[in-house]
C-alpha atoms as a PDB file:
ATOM      1  CA  UNK A   1      -0.079  -0.106  -0.221  1.00  0.00           C
ATOM      2  CA  UNK A   2       2.797   2.299   0.475  1.00  0.00           C
ATOM      3  CA  UNK A   3       4.104   2.113  -3.019  1.00  0.00           C
ATOM      4  CA  UNK A   4       0.301   2.858  -4.354  1.00  0.00           C
ATOM      5  CA  UNK A   5       0.294   5.959  -1.858  1.00  0.00           C
ATOM      6  CA  UNK A   6       3.628   7.165  -3.053  1.00  0.00           C
ATOM      7  CA  UNK A   7       2.349   6.765  -7.065  1.00  0.00           C
ATOM      8  CA  UNK A   8      -0.456   8.489  -6.436  1.00  0.00           C
ATOM      9  CA  UNK A   9       1.009  11.429  -4.440  1.00  0.00           C
ATOM     10  CA  UNK A  10      -1.190  11.065  -1.419  1.00  0.00           C
ATOM     11  CA  UNK A  11      -0.459   9.448   2.232  1.00  0.00           C
ATOM     12  CA  UNK A  12      -0.783   5.761   3.577  1.00  0.00           C
ATOM     13  CA  UNK A  13      -3.802   6.879   5.636  1.00  0.00           C
ATOM     14  CA  UNK A  14      -5.771   8.042   2.425  1.00  0.00           C
ATOM     15  CA  UNK A  15      -5.321   4.671   0.770  1.00  0.00           C
ATOM     16  CA  UNK A  16      -6.157   2.912   4.063  1.00  0.00           C
ATOM     17  CA  UNK A  17      -9.286   5.225   4.386  1.00  0.00           C
ATOM     18  CA  UNK A  18     -10.122   4.430   0.708  1.00  0.00           C
ATOM     19  CA  UNK A  19     -10.253   0.665   0.966  1.00  0.00           C
ATOM     20  CA  UNK A  20     -12.559   1.037   3.757  1.00  0.00           C
ATOM     21  CA  UNK A  21     -14.739   3.290   1.830  1.00  0.00           C
ATOM     22  CA  UNK A  22     -14.309   6.248   3.927  1.00  0.00           C
ATOM     23  CA  UNK A  23     -16.550   8.936   2.237  1.00  0.00           C
ATOM     24  CA  UNK A  24     -14.262  11.728   2.840  1.00  0.00           C
ATOM     25  CA  UNK A  25     -12.002  10.532   0.304  1.00  0.00           C
ATOM     26  CA  UNK A  26     -11.788  12.732  -2.764  1.00  0.00           C
ATOM     27  CA  UNK A  27     -13.225  11.387  -5.911  1.00  0.00           C
ATOM     28  CA  UNK A  28      -9.848  12.358  -7.561  1.00  0.00           C
ATOM     29  CA  UNK A  29      -8.027   9.905  -5.583  1.00  0.00           C
ATOM     30  CA  UNK A  30     -10.429   7.072  -6.488  1.00  0.00           C
ATOM     31  CA  UNK A  31      -9.906   8.263 -10.142  1.00  0.00           C
ATOM     32  CA  UNK A  32      -6.195   8.284  -9.784  1.00  0.00           C
ATOM     33  CA  UNK A  33      -6.247   4.732  -8.334  1.00  0.00           C
ATOM     34  CA  UNK A  34      -8.355   3.381 -11.090  1.00  0.00           C
ATOM     35  CA  UNK A  35      -5.762   5.033 -13.530  1.00  0.00           C
ATOM     36  CA  UNK A  36      -2.860   3.418 -11.783  1.00  0.00           C
ATOM     37  CA  UNK A  37      -4.562   0.125 -12.303  1.00  0.00           C
ATOM     38  CA  UNK A  38      -5.620   0.636 -15.717  1.00  0.00           C
ATOM     39  CA  UNK A  39      -9.252   0.855 -15.183  1.00  0.00           C
ATOM     40  CA  UNK A  40     -10.113   4.348 -15.781  1.00  0.00           C
ATOM     41  CA  UNK A  41     -11.436   3.706 -19.187  1.00  0.00           C
ATOM     42  CA  UNK A  42     -14.115   1.079 -17.976  1.00  0.00           C
ATOM     43  CA  UNK A  43     -15.217   3.878 -15.250  1.00  0.00           C
ATOM     44  CA  UNK A  44     -15.593   6.486 -18.284  1.00  0.00           C
ATOM     45  CA  UNK A  45     -17.516   4.259 -20.527  1.00  0.00           C
ATOM     46  CA  UNK A  46     -19.906   3.043 -17.607  1.00  0.00           C
ATOM     47  CA  UNK A  47     -20.882   6.576 -17.124  1.00  0.00           C
ATOM     48  CA  UNK A  48     -20.880   7.966 -20.879  1.00  0.00           C
ATOM     49  CA  UNK A  49     -24.327   9.326 -21.825  1.00  0.00           C
ATOM     50  CA  UNK A  50     -24.593   6.597 -24.905  1.00  0.00           C
ATOM     51  CA  UNK A  51     -24.481   3.937 -22.690  1.00  0.00           C
ATOM     52  CA  UNK A  52     -27.418   5.333 -20.275  1.00  0.00           C
ATOM     53  CA  UNK A  53     -30.514   3.643 -21.594  1.00  0.00           C
ATOM     54  CA  UNK A  54     -32.813   5.122 -18.797  1.00  0.00           C
ATOM     55  CA  UNK A  55     -31.435   8.371 -19.239  1.00  0.00           C
ATOM     56  CA  UNK A  56     -32.329   7.997 -23.171  1.00  0.00           C
ATOM     57  CA  UNK A  57     -35.825   6.985 -22.411  1.00  0.00           C
ATOM     58  CA  UNK A  58     -36.438   9.742 -19.916  1.00  0.00           C
ATOM     59  CA  UNK A  59     -35.220  12.076 -22.508  1.00  0.00           C
ATOM     60  CA  UNK A  60     -37.520  10.814 -25.272  1.00  0.00           C
ATOM     61  CA  UNK A  61     -40.370  11.054 -22.842  1.00  0.00           C
ATOM     62  CA  UNK A  62     -39.822  14.952 -22.565  1.00  0.00           C
ATOM     63  CA  UNK A  63     -39.547  15.366 -26.019  1.00  0.00           C
ATOM     64  CA  UNK A  64     -42.717  16.727 -27.810  1.00  0.00           C
ATOM     65  CA  UNK A  65     -44.846  14.172 -29.562  1.00  0.00           C
ATOM     66  CA  UNK A  66     -45.441  16.216 -32.686  1.00  0.00           C
ATOM     67  CA  UNK A  67     -43.213  18.914 -34.149  1.00  0.00           C
ATOM     68  CA  UNK A  68     -44.227  20.908 -37.119  1.00  0.00           C
ATOM     69  CA  UNK A  69     -43.758  23.994 -38.843  1.00  0.00           C
ATOM     70  CA  UNK A  70     -46.407  26.448 -38.505  1.00  0.00           C
ATOM     71  CA  UNK A  71     -47.661  28.294 -41.310  1.00  0.00           C
ATOM     72  CA  UNK A  72     -48.220  32.038 -41.279  1.00  0.00           C
ATOM     73  CA  UNK A  73     -51.650  33.345 -42.095  1.00  0.00           C
ATOM     74  CA  UNK A  74     -51.830  35.174 -45.211  1.00  0.00           C
ATOM     75  CA  UNK A  75     -48.648  33.571 -46.561  1.00  0.00           C
ATOM     76  CA  UNK A  76     -48.505  32.491 -50.029  1.00  0.00           C
ATOM     77  CA  UNK A  77     -46.713  28.817 -50.151  1.00  0.00           C
ATOM     78  CA  UNK A  78     -47.158  28.590 -53.697  1.00  0.00           C
ATOM     79  CA  UNK A  79     -43.740  28.075 -55.370  1.00  0.00           C
END
């Protein structure tokens, strides 16, 4: 653990707290640890908006049901 702490630039106690799930550890320390172990791309892929099917469904539900162009009164649409 000492080597991991040194490579991340944090103290041994921070790594200990991180391993035990202490919520006071900064997210940046977690991301740095994931980067160190080569797991950072998996996290980025997991939170990418294209992979969020429930978010896409909510966005589709918020969209208007029908979209159309309003015609102006008295406008001549004869080309």
